[in-house]
Every structure is written in C-alpha cells, then in structure tokens.
Amino acid sequence: MRIGELSERTGTPRRLLRYYEEQGLIAADRAPNGYREYDERFVDRVLQIRGLLDAGLPTRIIKQILPCLDKPRIIHFSDATPEMLATLERERDRMTERVNCLIRNRDAIAEYLDAVRENAASS
C-alpha cells in the first residue's frame, strides 16, 4: 500500500510516517516510480508505535523494543542497556498508574450512570 493508504488506515499524518521511516521504525519498499510502498503488517506496527509514543516512550527506545513486540518469545538482550531497562521500568510504572486512574474513572462513570438510571426508573 502507498503512504496515503497507510496514513488513512492508521490515522497517522504522512509526515509522521516519513519520520518513523527516518527513525528506522518502519521501512518502505520503493516502486519503480519512487513511491513508497508499505507491507500490510505496517498498519499494526504504526498503531503500536503510536501507542508507545502516547505512553511516553522515546523513539530510540521504541526502536530497540519493537523486535521484542513482534516476536515476544525471542529474547533480545544485546541492546538492553541499564539506561534502557531503567527507562522501561519507569514507563511501565507510569503506564500502570495511568491504567489504575482510568479504571477508577471508568468505575466512577459506571456508578454515576447506574445512579441516574436507577433514579429515572423510580421516578
């Protein structure tokens, strides 16, 4: 697929897709006319990258852990620097805090909806 289709399917601007390519996070083949052509698997890859960026991970760390996310059973230790491990631990803990906050908010909204519906039913 061409860059426009990948952009549409992932909701990612073309300039960001080119940036991901520059950073080595995705790779495009080139058609004879020079257009970028992406494999279908890059739809999930781009969504994965966006999720990791949204979680606060820098692209240099994402580049190191992407192979592990593709094949979690294969262990990649060669690039596991102490800095990277510390960053991943901090990000994991931060994500856990965000998940817990989301759960609390979801539960509060559900409680509110239940109360409103119960009040409406008894009126």
Protein backbone atom coordinates (compact mmCIF):
# COMPACT_ATOMS: atom_id res chain seq x y z
CA MET A 1 0.00 0.00 0.00
CA ARG A 2 1.15 3.56 -0.58
CA ILE A 3 1.81 6.11 2.13
CA GLY A 4 -1.62 7.74 1.73
CA GLU A 5 -3.45 4.50 2.43
CA LEU A 6 -1.23 3.72 5.43
CA SER A 7 -1.91 7.23 6.69
CA GLU A 8 -5.68 6.78 6.32
CA ARG A 9 -5.77 3.33 7.88
CA THR A 10 -3.74 4.35 10.92
CA GLY A 11 -4.89 7.94 11.34
CA THR A 12 -1.24 9.00 11.16
CA PRO A 13 -0.15 12.01 9.13
CA ARG A 14 2.15 11.24 6.21
CA ARG A 15 4.89 13.43 7.65
CA LEU A 16 4.92 11.25 10.80
CA LEU A 17 5.13 8.10 8.70
CA ARG A 18 8.14 9.55 6.92
CA TYR A 19 9.62 10.44 10.32
CA TYR A 20 9.06 6.87 11.57
CA GLU A 21 10.87 5.67 8.48
CA GLU A 22 13.78 8.07 9.12
CA GLN A 23 14.00 6.74 12.69
CA GLY A 24 14.13 3.14 11.44
CA LEU A 25 10.78 2.21 13.00
CA ILE A 26 9.18 1.24 9.68
CA ALA A 27 10.58 0.59 6.23
CA ALA A 28 9.10 1.11 2.81
CA ASP A 29 9.97 -0.52 -0.45
CA ARG A 30 10.27 1.81 -3.41
CA ALA A 31 8.23 1.32 -6.54
CA PRO A 32 9.94 1.98 -9.91
CA ASN A 33 8.34 5.44 -9.89
CA GLY A 34 9.91 6.17 -6.47
CA TYR A 35 6.69 5.97 -4.45
CA ARG A 36 6.86 4.36 -1.04
CA GLU A 37 5.11 1.00 -0.75
CA TYR A 38 4.36 -0.46 2.66
CA ASP A 39 3.57 -4.03 3.59
CA GLU A 40 0.21 -4.74 5.27
CA ARG A 41 1.97 -5.54 8.56
CA PHE A 42 2.90 -1.88 8.96
CA VAL A 43 -0.71 -0.99 9.80
CA ASP A 44 -0.34 -2.77 13.14
CA ARG A 45 3.26 -1.61 13.52
CA VAL A 46 2.31 2.07 13.15
CA LEU A 47 -0.55 1.68 15.63
CA GLN A 48 1.87 0.01 18.04
CA ILE A 49 4.40 2.84 17.61
CA ARG A 50 1.72 5.46 18.20
CA GLY A 51 0.59 3.69 21.36
CA LEU A 52 4.13 3.55 22.69
CA LEU A 53 4.70 7.22 21.84
CA ASP A 54 1.42 8.12 23.56
CA ALA A 55 2.66 6.22 26.60
CA GLY A 56 5.72 8.46 26.65
CA LEU A 57 8.44 6.23 25.24
CA PRO A 58 11.03 7.96 23.05
CA THR A 59 11.59 6.65 19.52
CA ARG A 60 15.11 5.47 20.37
CA ILE A 61 13.69 3.08 22.99
CA ILE A 62 10.79 2.06 20.76
CA LYS A 63 13.27 1.12 18.04
CA GLN A 64 15.05 -1.18 20.49
CA ILE A 65 11.95 -2.94 21.80
CA LEU A 66 9.95 -3.31 18.56
CA PRO A 67 11.62 -6.62 17.65
CA CYS A 68 10.57 -7.99 21.05
CA LEU A 69 6.99 -6.90 20.46
CA ASP A 70 6.90 -8.66 17.09
CA LYS A 71 8.21 -11.93 18.45
CA PRO A 72 7.87 -11.95 22.23
CA ARG A 73 9.21 -15.47 22.56
CA ILE A 74 12.56 -14.47 21.06
CA ILE A 75 14.74 -12.79 23.64
CA HIS A 76 16.78 -9.74 22.59
CA PHE A 77 19.42 -8.90 25.17
CA SER A 78 22.16 -7.33 23.06
CA ASP A 79 20.69 -3.80 23.18
CA ALA A 80 19.41 -3.95 26.77
CA THR A 81 21.47 -1.19 28.36
CA PRO A 82 20.96 -0.27 32.02
CA GLU A 83 19.56 3.10 30.85
CA MET A 84 17.03 1.41 28.58
CA LEU A 85 15.94 -1.01 31.32
CA ALA A 86 15.53 1.85 33.81
CA THR A 87 13.52 3.83 31.25
CA LEU A 88 11.29 0.86 30.52
CA GLU A 89 10.73 0.23 34.23
CA ARG A 90 9.75 3.89 34.76
CA GLU A 91 7.45 3.82 31.75
CA ARG A 92 5.87 0.54 32.86
CA ASP A 93 5.20 2.01 36.30
CA ARG A 94 3.80 5.20 34.76
CA MET A 95 1.53 3.17 32.48
CA THR A 96 0.32 1.14 35.47
CA GLU A 97 -0.59 4.38 37.26
CA ARG A 98 -2.46 5.61 34.19
CA VAL A 99 -4.32 2.31 33.85
CA ASN A 100 -5.32 2.44 37.52
CA CYS A 101 -6.53 6.03 37.10
CA LEU A 102 -8.55 5.04 34.02
CA ILE A 103 -10.10 2.15 35.93
CA ARG A 104 -11.08 4.47 38.79
CA ASN A 105 -12.60 6.95 36.33
CA ARG A 106 -14.43 4.20 34.44
CA ASP A 107 -15.85 2.85 37.70
CA ALA A 108 -16.95 6.33 38.80
CA ILE A 109 -18.73 6.92 35.49
CA ALA A 110 -20.40 3.50 35.69
CA GLU A 111 -21.55 4.27 39.24
CA TYR A 112 -22.95 7.61 38.13
CA LEU A 113 -24.78 6.04 35.18
CA ASP A 114 -26.25 3.35 37.45
CA ALA A 115 -27.45 6.01 39.91
CA VAL A 116 -29.00 8.14 37.15
CA ARG A 117 -30.74 5.14 35.60
CA GLU A 118 -31.97 3.95 38.97
CA ASN A 119 -33.32 7.42 39.76
CA ALA A 120 -35.01 7.65 36.37
CA ALA A 121 -36.59 4.21 36.77
CA SER A 122 -38.02 5.06 40.20
CA SER A 123 -39.49 8.40 39.01
